């Protein structure tokens, strides 16, 4: 099962990192991408979308 990183569109390897964003689980290629998505989700939650 392969796909692309939700943050940078790189191809995922056999052990992607799963991150919950807005109630959805997405897969990213590395911890840097995971952190970027977490920060974006947190700032969007604070803005009162």
Protein backbone atom coordinates (compact mmCIF):
# COMPACT_ATOMS: atom_id res chain seq x y z
CA UNK A 1 0.00 0.00 0.00
CA UNK A 2 1.73 3.13 -1.16
CA UNK A 3 0.56 6.69 -1.40
CA UNK A 4 1.87 10.18 -1.08
CA UNK A 5 2.65 12.35 1.90
CA UNK A 6 -0.24 14.63 2.89
CA UNK A 7 2.20 17.48 3.47
CA UNK A 8 4.80 17.37 0.70
CA UNK A 9 3.49 14.84 -1.87
CA UNK A 10 6.58 12.62 -1.59
CA UNK A 11 6.00 8.89 -1.96
CA UNK A 12 5.42 7.09 1.32
CA UNK A 13 7.58 4.14 2.31
CA UNK A 14 6.38 1.01 4.13
CA UNK A 15 6.13 2.81 7.48
CA UNK A 16 4.42 6.21 7.13
CA UNK A 17 3.66 8.34 10.16
CA UNK A 18 -0.06 8.70 10.89
CA UNK A 19 -1.29 12.10 12.06
CA UNK A 20 -4.84 13.06 13.05
CA UNK A 21 -5.83 16.37 11.48
CA UNK A 22 -9.31 17.75 11.91
CA UNK A 23 -10.62 14.33 12.94
CA UNK A 24 -9.10 12.62 9.88
CA UNK A 25 -6.05 10.37 9.89
CA UNK A 26 -3.50 11.28 7.24
CA UNK A 27 -0.13 9.72 6.46
CA UNK A 28 3.12 11.64 6.12
CA UNK A 29 6.65 10.63 5.16
CA UNK A 30 8.60 12.07 8.11
CA UNK A 31 8.34 13.72 11.50
CA UNK A 32 9.01 17.16 9.96
CA UNK A 33 5.89 16.85 7.80
CA UNK A 34 3.89 15.52 10.75
CA UNK A 35 4.90 18.51 12.86
CA UNK A 36 4.07 20.95 10.05
CA UNK A 37 0.56 19.51 9.72
CA UNK A 38 0.02 19.54 13.50
CA UNK A 39 1.04 23.21 13.65
CA UNK A 40 -1.21 24.13 10.72
CA UNK A 41 -4.14 22.27 12.31
CA UNK A 42 -3.55 23.97 15.67
CA UNK A 43 -3.40 27.45 14.14
CA UNK A 44 -6.57 26.80 12.15
CA UNK A 45 -8.36 25.62 15.30
CA UNK A 46 -7.30 28.80 17.11
CA UNK A 47 -8.60 31.01 14.31
CA UNK A 48 -12.10 29.68 14.99
CA UNK A 49 -12.67 28.33 11.50
